[in-house]
Amino acid sequence: MKNQSITNNIDWISIIIYASLVILGWLNIYSSSLSSMENTHEKQLIFIILTIPLIFIVLSVDGKFYEKYASIIFGISLLTLAGLFLFGKTIAGQRCWYAIGSFTIQPSEFAKAATALALAKYLSDTQINLKEVNRQIQALAIILLPVILILPQPDPGSALIYSVFIIVLYREGLPSWYVWTGFITILLFVLTLVLEPQYVILIALATLILVHFKSRLADRNIVLSTILFAIISGFVLSVNYVFENVFKQHHRDRFNILLGKTVDLKGIGYNTNQSEIAIGSGGWFGKGFLEGTQTKGGFVPEQHTDYIFTTVGEEWGFVGSLLVIALFSGLFLRIIYLAERQKTKFSRVYGYCVAGILFTHFFVNIAMVVGIFPTIGVPLPFFSYGGSGLWGFTILLFIFIKMDANKVNEW
């Protein structure tokens, strides 16, 4: 009876949306692969079929297992990431995969679920108070450990996704100045690339003066404002050095193109330019399934992976793209709704991690495809080609679906 009741309490709305996205994703991979000789749609179909027993395995495991062994799962995940430096296979300059014959697997795709479990486990401790500095450091360490192992592969796209965990920490009590510091840091970095450093420093000074005099008399602290201005000035003056000496050339090129400082439609900006052409050519209702000229002509590189949304835009048009976006949005909102009604903090925190990871992938990928974010290699969940990505996202989601189904047994 217990197993039956858990089966009956599975959230079928999430599963239906998930299945719809996977099917639509495969249809677009099928369309985008017709112009190549790789038959990626056949491989993706095999990945999808193998996903079915994977789902049953995840759902058959007791929900408490994921909480009890979260730390062990996280530790194993870190070991698989570290092992890439010794046993990984290099593809396109990235050492991100293990090769088993002709089959490759990317451990960073599974590390996201493992990190979410570890963070949920840590935050669900009754003694945790994120107002305490030592607790903040420990929580941030859980997030940074996989990032430290992923960045040198190099895989900045996967590493970027982990920034969403800061929002989860904020939801659970992390002081808001962490979020504001991150936002202001990014803003200052971009402004310094667009404007001369001295102008950015003047803007920062004017803002600090305005804030200082707008604050209540009791809150004014000239020493703190001076220290803050010195830190901001130092950061702004270091941006160009970091940009020129730490960022790789292709990263600098992508930022320069995005900011309009460089136009290179045949070089580094080719992918984004072709992507925009393909999406724009779809109009309101698209050219029809398998009728996309840009897609069939193979004009958009990596169209079956990072640029899969261009197929949606060209063949299904604005209306079809809006439908896909609506499905993703529905899934995000459903996960957040389910997270809020969980009876344990562990399940709630994990649910927010799931929603955050999926949303960040979705947002960055779409922004990248339409040219408002640099190309960094972030796949679109359930759409982009690849077994590791599909299985990683599936495990991530269905662990939470299992937790939600198990809440009837929670006290």
Protein backbone atom coordinates (compact mmCIF):
# COMPACT_ATOMS: atom_id res chain seq x y z
CA MET A 1 0.00 0.00 0.00
CA LYS A 2 2.87 2.36 0.79
CA ASN A 3 4.42 2.02 -2.67
CA GLN A 4 0.99 2.40 -4.28
CA SER A 5 0.26 5.60 -2.35
CA ILE A 6 3.61 7.09 -3.37
CA THR A 7 2.87 6.25 -7.01
CA ASN A 8 -0.50 7.93 -6.75
CA ASN A 9 1.09 11.08 -5.31
CA ILE A 10 3.61 11.56 -8.09
CA ASP A 11 3.16 14.99 -9.68
CA TRP A 12 1.96 14.10 -13.15
CA ILE A 13 1.79 17.72 -14.25
CA SER A 14 5.60 18.02 -13.97
CA ILE A 15 6.05 14.68 -15.74
CA ILE A 16 3.74 15.66 -18.62
CA ILE A 17 5.59 18.96 -19.11
CA TYR A 18 8.93 17.11 -18.93
CA ALA A 19 7.81 14.53 -21.51
CA SER A 20 6.49 17.29 -23.80
CA LEU A 21 9.81 19.13 -23.69
CA VAL A 22 11.81 15.96 -24.38
CA ILE A 23 9.60 15.05 -27.37
CA LEU A 24 9.72 18.58 -28.79
CA GLY A 25 13.47 18.62 -28.23
CA TRP A 26 13.91 15.41 -30.19
CA LEU A 27 11.78 16.71 -33.08
CA ASN A 28 14.04 19.74 -33.35
CA ILE A 29 17.19 17.63 -33.14
CA TYR A 30 15.74 15.45 -35.90
CA SER A 31 15.17 18.50 -38.08
CA SER A 32 18.58 20.04 -37.41
CA SER A 33 20.44 16.78 -38.05
CA LEU A 34 19.01 16.05 -41.49
CA SER A 35 21.65 18.23 -43.14
CA SER A 36 24.52 16.32 -41.49
CA MET A 37 25.80 12.77 -41.73
CA GLU A 38 26.02 12.21 -37.97
CA ASN A 39 22.46 10.92 -37.42
CA THR A 40 22.33 12.68 -34.07
CA HIS A 41 18.56 12.21 -33.90
CA GLU A 42 19.03 8.43 -33.81
CA LYS A 43 21.58 8.68 -31.00
CA GLN A 44 19.35 11.08 -29.08
CA LEU A 45 16.42 8.65 -29.46
CA ILE A 46 18.58 5.96 -27.86
CA PHE A 47 19.43 8.36 -25.01
CA ILE A 48 15.71 9.07 -24.53
CA ILE A 49 14.83 5.36 -24.47
CA LEU A 50 17.57 4.73 -21.89
CA THR A 51 16.12 7.57 -19.82
CA ILE A 52 12.96 5.54 -19.13
CA PRO A 53 14.63 2.86 -16.94
CA LEU A 54 16.70 5.64 -15.35
CA ILE A 55 13.48 7.38 -14.25
CA PHE A 56 12.14 4.15 -12.77
CA ILE A 57 15.37 3.64 -10.84
CA VAL A 58 15.25 7.19 -9.41
CA LEU A 59 11.58 6.81 -8.43
CA SER A 60 12.05 3.31 -6.96
CA VAL A 61 14.66 4.53 -4.45
CA ASP A 62 13.24 5.63 -1.11
CA GLY A 63 13.02 9.43 -0.87
CA LYS A 64 15.00 9.46 2.38
CA PHE A 65 17.95 7.82 0.61
CA TYR A 66 18.82 11.06 -1.17
CA GLU A 67 18.93 12.98 2.10
CA LYS A 68 20.78 10.30 4.07
CA TYR A 69 23.52 9.80 1.49
CA ALA A 70 23.70 13.34 0.03
CA SER A 71 27.24 13.91 1.33
CA ILE A 72 28.49 10.61 -0.10
CA ILE A 73 26.88 11.33 -3.49
CA PHE A 74 28.53 14.77 -3.47
CA GLY A 75 31.92 13.27 -2.60
CA ILE A 76 31.69 10.73 -5.43
CA SER A 77 30.73 13.53 -7.80
CA LEU A 78 33.81 15.54 -6.82
CA LEU A 79 36.01 12.49 -7.39
CA THR A 80 34.59 12.01 -10.90
CA LEU A 81 35.32 15.67 -11.69
CA ALA A 82 38.87 15.42 -10.32
CA GLY A 83 39.46 12.19 -12.24
CA LEU A 84 39.03 14.04 -15.53
CA PHE A 85 42.49 15.59 -15.11
CA LEU A 86 43.99 12.09 -15.25
CA PHE A 87 41.58 10.01 -17.31
CA GLY A 88 39.42 12.54 -19.18
CA LYS A 89 39.08 12.76 -22.94
CA THR A 90 39.78 16.10 -24.62
CA ILE A 91 37.22 17.23 -27.20
CA ALA A 92 37.46 20.67 -28.86
CA GLY A 93 40.05 21.76 -26.30
CA GLN A 94 37.94 20.76 -23.29
CA ARG A 95 38.79 17.87 -20.97
CA CYS A 96 35.22 17.32 -19.80
CA TRP A 97 34.40 13.71 -20.72
CA TYR A 98 35.16 10.11 -19.84
CA ALA A 99 35.36 7.89 -22.91
CA ILE A 100 34.03 4.32 -22.81
CA GLY A 101 34.62 3.05 -26.32
CA SER A 102 32.72 5.36 -28.64
CA PHE A 103 30.51 6.50 -25.77
CA THR A 104 31.36 9.60 -23.71
CA ILE A 105 29.91 10.85 -20.45
CA GLN A 106 30.25 14.32 -18.90
CA PRO A 107 30.33 14.21 -15.08
CA SER A 108 29.69 17.95 -14.66
CA GLU A 109 26.11 17.38 -15.84
CA PHE A 110 25.49 15.05 -12.88
CA ALA A 111 27.46 17.19 -10.42
CA LYS A 112 24.68 19.79 -10.41
CA ALA A 113 22.20 17.38 -8.81
CA ALA A 114 24.88 16.16 -6.39
CA THR A 115 25.71 19.73 -5.34
CA ALA A 116 22.02 20.54 -4.91
CA LEU A 117 21.64 17.51 -2.63
CA ALA A 118 24.72 18.45 -0.60
CA LEU A 119 23.60 22.06 -0.20
CA ALA A 120 20.08 20.99 0.80
CA LYS A 121 21.54 18.55 3.31
CA TYR A 122 23.76 21.24 4.85
CA LEU A 123 21.05 23.91 5.02
CA SER A 124 18.48 21.51 6.51
CA ASP A 125 20.59 21.14 9.64
CA THR A 126 18.65 22.75 12.50
CA GLN A 127 21.82 24.45 13.77
CA ILE A 128 22.50 26.30 10.52
CA ASN A 129 22.18 30.07 10.62
CA LEU A 130 23.37 31.81 7.47
CA LYS A 131 23.77 35.06 9.36
CA GLU A 132 26.92 33.54 10.87
CA VAL A 133 30.10 34.07 8.82
CA ASN A 134 31.47 30.55 9.40
CA ARG A 135 28.19 29.04 8.12
CA GLN A 136 28.34 31.28 5.07
CA ILE A 137 31.88 30.11 4.31
CA GLN A 138 30.89 26.45 4.66
CA ALA A 139 27.86 26.85 2.40
CA LEU A 140 29.88 28.74 -0.22
CA ALA A 141 32.58 26.04 -0.05
CA ILE A 142 30.02 23.41 -1.10
CA ILE A 143 29.23 25.51 -4.17
CA LEU A 144 32.84 26.42 -5.00
CA LEU A 145 34.36 22.93 -4.77
CA PRO A 146 32.81 21.65 -8.05
CA VAL A 147 33.38 25.07 -9.69
CA ILE A 148 37.11 24.88 -8.90
CA LEU A 149 37.26 21.47 -10.60
CA ILE A 150 35.12 22.47 -13.61
CA LEU A 151 36.73 25.81 -14.56
CA PRO A 152 40.17 24.40 -15.53
CA GLN A 153 38.65 21.82 -17.90
CA PRO A 154 37.88 24.56 -19.19
CA ASP A 155 34.09 24.70 -18.96
CA PRO A 156 33.00 28.22 -17.92
CA GLY A 157 29.43 27.56 -19.04
CA SER A 158 28.88 24.75 -16.53
CA ALA A 159 30.72 26.70 -13.82
CA LEU A 160 28.45 29.71 -14.39
CA ILE A 161 25.35 27.65 -13.54
CA TYR A 162 26.55 27.23 -9.95
CA SER A 163 26.09 30.96 -9.33
CA VAL A 164 22.34 30.31 -9.02
CA PHE A 165 22.93 28.56 -5.69
CA ILE A 166 23.65 32.00 -4.20
CA ILE A 167 19.98 32.87 -4.79
CA VAL A 168 18.98 29.66 -2.98
CA LEU A 169 21.21 30.64 -0.05
CA TYR A 170 19.58 34.09 -0.05
CA ARG A 171 16.16 32.40 0.09
CA GLU A 172 17.35 30.53 3.18
CA GLY A 173 18.71 33.55 5.05
CA LEU A 174 21.99 34.64 3.44
CA PRO A 175 22.43 38.42 3.95
CA SER A 176 21.20 40.35 0.90
CA TRP A 177 24.48 42.23 0.50
CA TYR A 178 26.00 39.08 -1.08
CA VAL A 179 23.49 39.27 -3.93
CA TRP A 180 23.87 43.03 -4.29
CA THR A 181 27.66 42.72 -4.29
CA GLY A 182 27.51 40.17 -7.11
CA PHE A 183 25.12 42.29 -9.15
CA ILE A 184 27.14 45.50 -8.67
CA THR A 185 30.40 43.67 -9.49
CA ILE A 186 29.00 42.45 -12.82
CA LEU A 187 27.58 45.91 -13.57
CA LEU A 188 30.91 47.64 -12.84
CA PHE A 189 32.78 45.08 -14.93
CA VAL A 190 30.55 45.61 -17.98
CA LEU A 191 30.50 49.42 -17.58
CA THR A 192 34.30 49.49 -17.46
CA LEU A 193 34.46 47.53 -20.72
CA VAL A 194 32.10 50.04 -22.34
CA LEU A 195 33.35 53.30 -20.77
CA GLU A 196 36.73 54.59 -19.69
CA PRO A 197 37.61 53.59 -16.08
CA GLN A 198 37.71 57.20 -14.87
CA TYR A 199 34.12 57.76 -15.97
CA VAL A 200 32.96 54.61 -14.14
CA ILE A 201 34.78 55.79 -10.99
CA LEU A 202 33.05 59.20 -11.25
CA ILE A 203 29.65 57.48 -11.62
CA ALA A 204 30.41 55.31 -8.57
CA LEU A 205 31.49 58.39 -6.56
CA ALA A 206 28.34 60.31 -7.48
CA THR A 207 26.19 57.30 -6.54
CA LEU A 208 27.90 56.88 -3.17
CA ILE A 209 27.52 60.59 -2.39
CA LEU A 210 23.82 60.44 -3.29
CA VAL A 211 23.27 57.34 -1.14
CA HIS A 212 25.24 58.92 1.72
CA PHE A 213 23.10 62.03 1.87
CA LYS A 214 19.85 60.19 1.20
CA SER A 215 20.50 57.90 4.19
CA ARG A 216 19.27 58.71 7.66
CA LEU A 217 21.69 60.76 9.73
CA ALA A 218 22.27 57.81 12.06
CA ASP A 219 23.20 55.54 9.14
CA ARG A 220 25.81 57.86 7.64
CA ASN A 221 29.36 56.59 7.95
CA ILE A 222 31.96 58.57 6.04
CA VAL A 223 34.72 56.08 6.85
CA LEU A 224 32.71 53.12 5.48
CA SER A 225 31.76 55.11 2.36
CA THR A 226 35.42 56.03 1.79
CA ILE A 227 36.56 52.41 2.15
CA LEU A 228 33.80 51.27 -0.21
CA PHE A 229 34.82 53.89 -2.79
CA ALA A 230 38.45 52.76 -2.55
CA ILE A 231 37.45 49.13 -3.12
CA ILE A 232 35.25 50.04 -6.10
CA SER A 233 38.00 52.21 -7.62
CA GLY A 234 40.56 49.44 -7.22
CA PHE A 235 38.23 46.93 -8.85
CA VAL A 236 37.41 49.23 -11.77
CA LEU A 237 41.09 49.96 -12.41
CA SER A 238 41.86 46.22 -12.45
CA VAL A 239 39.12 45.26 -14.93
CA ASN A 240 41.08 45.96 -18.11
CA TYR A 241 44.12 44.07 -16.80
CA VAL A 242 41.97 41.05 -15.91
CA PHE A 243 40.14 41.25 -19.23
CA GLU A 244 43.35 41.36 -21.26
CA ASN A 245 45.46 38.91 -19.24
CA VAL A 246 43.09 36.45 -17.55
CA PHE A 247 40.34 36.05 -20.15
CA LYS A 248 41.23 33.99 -23.20
CA GLN A 249 41.11 35.58 -26.64
CA HIS A 250 37.87 33.93 -27.70
CA HIS A 251 36.21 35.12 -24.47
CA ARG A 252 37.40 38.69 -25.13
CA ASP A 253 36.15 38.48 -28.71
CA ARG A 254 32.70 37.35 -27.59
CA PHE A 255 32.39 40.15 -25.06
CA ASN A 256 33.59 42.74 -27.59
CA ILE A 257 31.04 41.56 -30.16
CA LEU A 258 28.26 41.53 -27.58
CA LEU A 259 29.11 45.07 -26.48
CA GLY A 260 29.32 46.28 -30.08
CA LYS A 261 33.04 47.08 -29.89
CA THR A 262 33.91 44.55 -32.61
CA VAL A 263 32.05 43.27 -35.66
CA ASP A 264 33.25 39.88 -36.89
CA LEU A 265 30.42 38.20 -38.73
CA LYS A 266 32.71 35.66 -40.38
CA GLY A 267 34.80 34.80 -37.35
CA ILE A 268 33.92 34.61 -33.67
CA GLY A 269 30.56 36.32 -34.23
CA TYR A 270 29.48 33.93 -37.01
CA ASN A 271 27.43 31.57 -34.80
CA THR A 272 25.44 34.34 -33.13
CA ASN A 273 24.85 36.19 -36.41
CA GLN A 274 23.59 33.05 -38.18
CA SER A 275 21.45 32.22 -35.17
CA GLU A 276 19.78 35.64 -35.27
CA ILE A 277 19.19 35.31 -39.03
CA ALA A 278 17.59 31.88 -38.58
CA ILE A 279 15.30 32.97 -35.75
CA GLY A 280 14.33 36.21 -37.50
CA SER A 281 13.47 34.38 -40.71
CA GLY A 282 10.82 32.33 -38.91
CA GLY A 283 8.41 35.24 -38.60
CA TRP A 284 5.20 34.76 -36.64
CA PHE A 285 4.35 31.15 -37.50
CA GLY A 286 7.62 29.74 -38.87
CA LYS A 287 8.46 28.04 -42.13
CA GLY A 288 7.07 24.68 -41.04
CA PHE A 289 8.57 21.48 -39.64
CA LEU A 290 11.59 20.36 -41.72
CA GLU A 291 11.18 23.45 -43.92
CA GLY A 292 13.79 25.73 -42.35
CA THR A 293 16.25 26.80 -45.04
CA GLN A 294 18.90 27.95 -42.56
CA THR A 295 18.48 24.71 -40.61
CA LYS A 296 18.50 22.39 -43.62
CA GLY A 297 21.41 24.31 -45.12
CA GLY A 298 23.51 23.81 -42.00
CA PHE A 299 24.29 27.52 -41.72
CA VAL A 300 24.16 27.57 -37.90
CA PRO A 301 27.08 25.66 -36.31
CA GLU A 302 26.31 23.44 -33.30
CA GLN A 303 22.62 23.78 -34.08
CA HIS A 304 21.71 20.43 -32.52
CA THR A 305 23.42 21.33 -29.21
CA ASP A 306 23.84 24.88 -27.88
CA TYR A 307 21.92 26.52 -30.76
CA ILE A 308 18.95 24.14 -30.93
CA PHE A 309 16.51 26.99 -30.21
CA THR A 310 17.30 28.48 -33.62
CA THR A 311 15.47 25.53 -35.18
CA VAL A 312 12.44 26.32 -33.03
CA GLY A 313 12.56 29.98 -34.07
CA GLU A 314 12.95 29.30 -37.78
CA GLU A 315 10.53 26.41 -38.26
CA TRP A 316 7.95 27.21 -35.59
CA GLY A 317 8.21 31.00 -35.57
CA PHE A 318 7.36 33.40 -32.76
CA VAL A 319 4.22 31.50 -31.77
CA GLY A 320 6.06 28.16 -31.55
CA SER A 321 8.92 29.74 -29.63
CA LEU A 322 6.42 31.26 -27.22
CA LEU A 323 4.87 27.82 -26.70
CA VAL A 324 8.26 26.31 -25.80
CA ILE A 325 9.00 29.21 -23.45
CA ALA A 326 5.56 28.77 -21.87
CA LEU A 327 6.24 25.06 -21.24
CA PHE A 328 9.56 25.83 -19.59
CA SER A 329 7.98 28.60 -17.52
CA GLY A 330 5.20 26.25 -16.46
CA LEU A 331 7.76 23.71 -15.28
CA PHE A 332 9.71 26.31 -13.29
CA LEU A 333 6.57 27.64 -11.61
CA ARG A 334 5.34 24.13 -10.88
CA ILE A 335 8.62 23.17 -9.20
CA ILE A 336 8.57 26.35 -7.08
CA TYR A 337 4.94 25.65 -6.11
CA LEU A 338 5.84 22.09 -5.09
CA ALA A 339 8.92 23.29 -3.22
CA GLU A 340 6.84 25.66 -1.12
CA ARG A 341 4.49 22.90 0.00
CA GLN A 342 7.22 20.48 1.10
CA LYS A 343 7.13 19.35 4.73
CA THR A 344 10.91 19.21 5.18
CA LYS A 345 13.49 21.92 4.69
CA PHE A 346 15.72 19.47 2.80
CA SER A 347 13.09 18.87 0.12
CA ARG A 348 12.21 22.57 -0.12
CA VAL A 349 15.81 23.69 -0.57
CA TYR A 350 16.47 20.96 -3.12
CA GLY A 351 13.34 21.99 -5.04
CA TYR A 352 14.55 25.56 -5.26
CA CYS A 353 17.95 24.31 -6.45
CA VAL A 354 16.23 22.32 -9.23
CA ALA A 355 14.17 25.31 -10.35
CA GLY A 356 17.23 27.58 -10.23
CA ILE A 357 19.49 25.25 -12.24
CA LEU A 358 16.90 24.61 -14.96
CA PHE A 359 15.95 28.30 -15.19
CA THR A 360 19.59 29.45 -15.43
CA HIS A 361 20.28 26.98 -18.23
CA PHE A 362 17.13 28.09 -20.03
CA PHE A 363 17.74 31.82 -19.61
CA VAL A 364 21.45 31.78 -20.52
CA ASN A 365 20.91 29.53 -23.55
CA ILE A 366 18.07 31.63 -24.99
CA ALA A 367 19.95 34.87 -24.28
CA MET A 368 23.04 33.43 -25.95
CA VAL A 369 21.10 32.33 -29.04
CA VAL A 370 19.41 35.73 -29.56
CA GLY A 371 22.70 37.60 -29.08
CA ILE A 372 22.27 39.30 -25.69
CA PHE A 373 24.73 37.04 -23.85
CA PRO A 374 28.20 35.78 -24.84
CA THR A 375 28.47 32.29 -26.33
CA ILE A 376 29.74 30.08 -23.49
CA GLY A 377 28.30 26.65 -24.24
CA VAL A 378 25.24 26.22 -22.02
CA PRO A 379 22.75 23.60 -23.31
CA LEU A 380 18.98 24.05 -23.33
CA PRO A 381 17.48 21.48 -20.91
CA PHE A 382 15.72 18.50 -22.57
CA PHE A 383 16.29 20.08 -26.03
CA SER A 384 20.03 20.12 -26.69
CA TYR A 385 21.62 16.94 -28.01
CA GLY A 386 23.57 14.80 -25.55
CA GLY A 387 23.04 11.85 -23.26
CA SER A 388 24.84 13.30 -20.25
CA GLY A 389 22.80 16.50 -20.33
CA LEU A 390 19.47 14.70 -20.76
CA TRP A 391 20.23 12.19 -18.01
CA GLY A 392 21.66 14.82 -15.68
CA PHE A 393 18.58 17.04 -15.98
CA THR A 394 16.28 14.02 -15.69
CA ILE A 395 17.93 12.80 -12.49
CA LEU A 396 17.89 16.34 -11.10
CA LEU A 397 14.14 16.71 -11.72
CA PHE A 398 12.94 13.22 -10.82
CA ILE A 399 14.76 13.13 -7.49
CA PHE A 400 12.59 16.11 -6.55
CA ILE A 401 9.46 14.48 -7.98
CA LYS A 402 10.24 11.47 -5.77
CA MET A 403 10.69 13.74 -2.72
CA ASP A 404 7.39 15.45 -3.46
CA ALA A 405 5.60 12.08 -3.79
CA ASN A 406 7.15 10.96 -0.52
CA LYS A 407 5.91 13.98 1.47
CA VAL A 408 2.72 12.08 2.40
CA ASN A 409 4.96 9.99 4.67
CA GLU A 410 6.65 13.02 6.27
CA TRP A 411 5.68 14.38 9.64
